[in-house]
N, C-alpha and C. Protein backbone atom coordinates (compact mmCIF):
# COMPACT_ATOMS: atom_id res chain seq x y z
N MET A 1 31.67 -16.56 37.41
CA MET A 1 31.58 -15.19 36.94
C MET A 1 32.84 -14.84 36.15
N ALA A 2 32.66 -14.30 34.97
CA ALA A 2 33.79 -13.95 34.09
C ALA A 2 34.48 -12.69 34.58
N ALA A 3 35.78 -12.64 34.35
CA ALA A 3 36.56 -11.45 34.72
C ALA A 3 36.17 -10.29 33.82
N LYS A 4 36.09 -9.11 34.39
CA LYS A 4 35.73 -7.92 33.63
C LYS A 4 36.91 -7.47 32.79
N LYS A 5 36.67 -7.30 31.49
CA LYS A 5 37.72 -6.87 30.56
C LYS A 5 37.98 -5.37 30.74
N GLU A 6 39.25 -5.01 30.85
CA GLU A 6 39.61 -3.60 30.99
C GLU A 6 39.45 -2.89 29.66
N LYS A 7 38.94 -1.67 29.72
CA LYS A 7 38.74 -0.89 28.51
C LYS A 7 40.06 -0.56 27.84
N THR A 8 40.01 -0.48 26.52
CA THR A 8 41.19 -0.04 25.77
C THR A 8 41.20 1.48 25.72
N ILE A 9 42.34 2.02 25.34
CA ILE A 9 42.44 3.47 25.18
C ILE A 9 41.49 3.94 24.09
N GLU A 10 41.37 3.15 23.03
CA GLU A 10 40.48 3.52 21.92
C GLU A 10 39.03 3.59 22.37
N GLU A 11 38.60 2.63 23.19
CA GLU A 11 37.23 2.64 23.72
C GLU A 11 37.01 3.86 24.61
N THR A 12 38.01 4.18 25.39
CA THR A 12 37.92 5.33 26.29
C THR A 12 37.84 6.62 25.50
N PHE A 13 38.64 6.74 24.43
CA PHE A 13 38.55 7.92 23.57
C PHE A 13 37.16 8.05 22.96
N GLY A 14 36.56 6.92 22.59
CA GLY A 14 35.21 6.93 22.05
C GLY A 14 34.21 7.48 23.05
N GLU A 15 34.35 7.06 24.31
CA GLU A 15 33.48 7.57 25.37
C GLU A 15 33.68 9.08 25.56
N LEU A 16 34.94 9.50 25.51
CA LEU A 16 35.23 10.93 25.65
C LEU A 16 34.58 11.72 24.51
N GLU A 17 34.64 11.21 23.29
CA GLU A 17 34.02 11.89 22.16
C GLU A 17 32.52 12.05 22.36
N GLU A 18 31.87 11.01 22.89
CA GLU A 18 30.44 11.08 23.14
C GLU A 18 30.12 12.13 24.20
N LEU A 19 30.93 12.17 25.25
CA LEU A 19 30.72 13.18 26.29
C LEU A 19 30.89 14.60 25.73
N ILE A 20 31.89 14.78 24.90
CA ILE A 20 32.13 16.10 24.29
C ILE A 20 30.94 16.51 23.43
N LYS A 21 30.40 15.57 22.66
CA LYS A 21 29.23 15.87 21.83
C LYS A 21 28.06 16.31 22.69
N LYS A 22 27.84 15.62 23.82
CA LYS A 22 26.75 15.98 24.72
C LYS A 22 26.96 17.38 25.30
N LEU A 23 28.20 17.68 25.68
CA LEU A 23 28.49 19.00 26.25
C LEU A 23 28.33 20.10 25.20
N GLU A 24 28.78 19.82 23.98
CA GLU A 24 28.72 20.83 22.93
C GLU A 24 27.31 21.05 22.39
N SER A 25 26.43 20.08 22.60
CA SER A 25 25.07 20.20 22.07
C SER A 25 24.29 21.33 22.75
N GLY A 26 24.65 21.64 23.98
CA GLY A 26 23.96 22.70 24.71
C GLY A 26 22.60 22.27 25.24
N GLU A 27 22.27 20.99 25.11
CA GLU A 27 20.97 20.49 25.55
C GLU A 27 21.00 19.93 26.97
N SER A 28 22.15 19.93 27.61
CA SER A 28 22.29 19.38 28.95
C SER A 28 22.03 20.44 30.00
N SER A 29 21.50 19.98 31.13
CA SER A 29 21.36 20.90 32.25
C SER A 29 22.74 21.17 32.84
N LEU A 30 22.82 22.14 33.70
CA LEU A 30 24.09 22.46 34.34
C LEU A 30 24.59 21.26 35.15
N GLU A 31 23.69 20.62 35.87
CA GLU A 31 24.08 19.46 36.67
C GLU A 31 24.58 18.32 35.78
N GLU A 32 23.90 18.08 34.67
CA GLU A 32 24.35 17.04 33.73
C GLU A 32 25.72 17.39 33.17
N SER A 33 25.91 18.65 32.84
CA SER A 33 27.19 19.10 32.29
C SER A 33 28.32 18.85 33.28
N PHE A 34 28.09 19.14 34.55
CA PHE A 34 29.11 18.89 35.57
C PHE A 34 29.39 17.39 35.68
N GLN A 35 28.34 16.57 35.58
CA GLN A 35 28.53 15.12 35.65
C GLN A 35 29.34 14.63 34.45
N TYR A 36 29.03 15.13 33.26
CA TYR A 36 29.78 14.76 32.06
C TYR A 36 31.25 15.17 32.20
N TYR A 37 31.46 16.37 32.74
CA TYR A 37 32.84 16.87 32.92
C TYR A 37 33.60 15.95 33.89
N GLU A 38 32.96 15.62 35.01
CA GLU A 38 33.62 14.76 36.00
C GLU A 38 33.94 13.39 35.41
N THR A 39 33.01 12.82 34.69
CA THR A 39 33.24 11.54 34.04
C THR A 39 34.37 11.64 33.03
N GLY A 40 34.37 12.72 32.25
CA GLY A 40 35.42 12.94 31.26
C GLY A 40 36.80 13.03 31.89
N MET A 41 36.89 13.73 33.01
CA MET A 41 38.18 13.86 33.69
C MET A 41 38.68 12.51 34.20
N LYS A 42 37.77 11.66 34.66
CA LYS A 42 38.17 10.32 35.10
C LYS A 42 38.67 9.50 33.91
N LEU A 43 38.02 9.66 32.76
CA LEU A 43 38.45 8.94 31.57
C LEU A 43 39.82 9.43 31.10
N VAL A 44 40.05 10.74 31.17
CA VAL A 44 41.35 11.30 30.78
C VAL A 44 42.44 10.76 31.72
N LYS A 45 42.14 10.69 33.00
CA LYS A 45 43.11 10.16 33.97
C LYS A 45 43.44 8.70 33.64
N PHE A 46 42.42 7.91 33.30
CA PHE A 46 42.62 6.52 32.93
C PHE A 46 43.56 6.43 31.72
N CYS A 47 43.32 7.26 30.70
CA CYS A 47 44.16 7.25 29.50
C CYS A 47 45.59 7.62 29.84
N ASN A 48 45.76 8.65 30.66
CA ASN A 48 47.12 9.06 31.05
C ASN A 48 47.86 7.94 31.76
N GLU A 49 47.16 7.22 32.63
CA GLU A 49 47.79 6.12 33.35
C GLU A 49 48.21 5.00 32.40
N LYS A 50 47.34 4.68 31.44
CA LYS A 50 47.67 3.64 30.46
C LYS A 50 48.88 4.05 29.62
N ILE A 51 48.92 5.30 29.19
CA ILE A 51 50.03 5.79 28.37
C ILE A 51 51.32 5.79 29.18
N ASP A 52 51.24 6.18 30.45
CA ASP A 52 52.43 6.15 31.32
C ASP A 52 52.99 4.74 31.44
N LYS A 53 52.11 3.73 31.56
CA LYS A 53 52.57 2.34 31.66
C LYS A 53 53.34 1.94 30.40
N VAL A 54 52.82 2.32 29.25
CA VAL A 54 53.47 1.99 27.98
C VAL A 54 54.83 2.68 27.90
N GLU A 55 54.89 3.96 28.28
CA GLU A 55 56.16 4.69 28.25
C GLU A 55 57.19 4.03 29.16
N LYS A 56 56.77 3.57 30.33
CA LYS A 56 57.70 2.90 31.25
C LYS A 56 58.22 1.60 30.66
N LYS A 57 57.36 0.86 29.96
CA LYS A 57 57.80 -0.37 29.32
C LYS A 57 58.84 -0.07 28.24
N ILE A 58 58.64 1.02 27.50
CA ILE A 58 59.60 1.40 26.46
C ILE A 58 60.94 1.75 27.09
N ILE A 59 60.91 2.47 28.19
CA ILE A 59 62.15 2.84 28.89
C ILE A 59 62.89 1.58 29.34
N VAL A 60 62.17 0.60 29.87
CA VAL A 60 62.79 -0.65 30.31
C VAL A 60 63.42 -1.35 29.12
N LEU A 61 62.73 -1.38 28.00
CA LEU A 61 63.29 -2.01 26.80
C LEU A 61 64.56 -1.29 26.35
N GLU A 62 64.56 0.04 26.41
CA GLU A 62 65.75 0.81 26.02
C GLU A 62 66.93 0.47 26.92
N GLU A 63 66.68 0.34 28.22
CA GLU A 63 67.74 0.04 29.16
C GLU A 63 68.32 -1.35 28.93
N ASN A 64 67.53 -2.24 28.39
CA ASN A 64 67.99 -3.60 28.10
C ASN A 64 68.71 -3.68 26.76
N GLY A 65 68.81 -2.57 26.07
CA GLY A 65 69.54 -2.54 24.82
C GLY A 65 68.78 -3.03 23.61
N GLU A 66 67.51 -3.25 23.75
CA GLU A 66 66.72 -3.73 22.64
C GLU A 66 66.27 -2.57 21.77
N GLU A 67 66.09 -2.84 20.49
CA GLU A 67 65.65 -1.80 19.57
C GLU A 67 64.14 -1.66 19.64
N HIS A 68 63.66 -0.46 19.34
CA HIS A 68 62.22 -0.22 19.30
C HIS A 68 61.96 0.98 18.39
N GLU A 69 60.72 1.07 17.95
CA GLU A 69 60.30 2.22 17.16
C GLU A 69 59.12 2.88 17.86
N LEU A 70 59.10 4.17 17.84
CA LEU A 70 57.99 4.91 18.43
C LEU A 70 57.08 5.43 17.35
């Protein structure tokens, strides 16, 4: 069995865009809207965690005296 590939931030943003379109369409039931919202919040949390990891790596590089660009 192959290892499951972790989603990229770009893929996650794409999923968020689709959820937003569904919510903005007004064609969802209230229950569906709550499900979309909950899923969206989980995706946002995932993105925040990924971004935090990158920021921590940058801080470690700065402490080691290496140059970097943001």
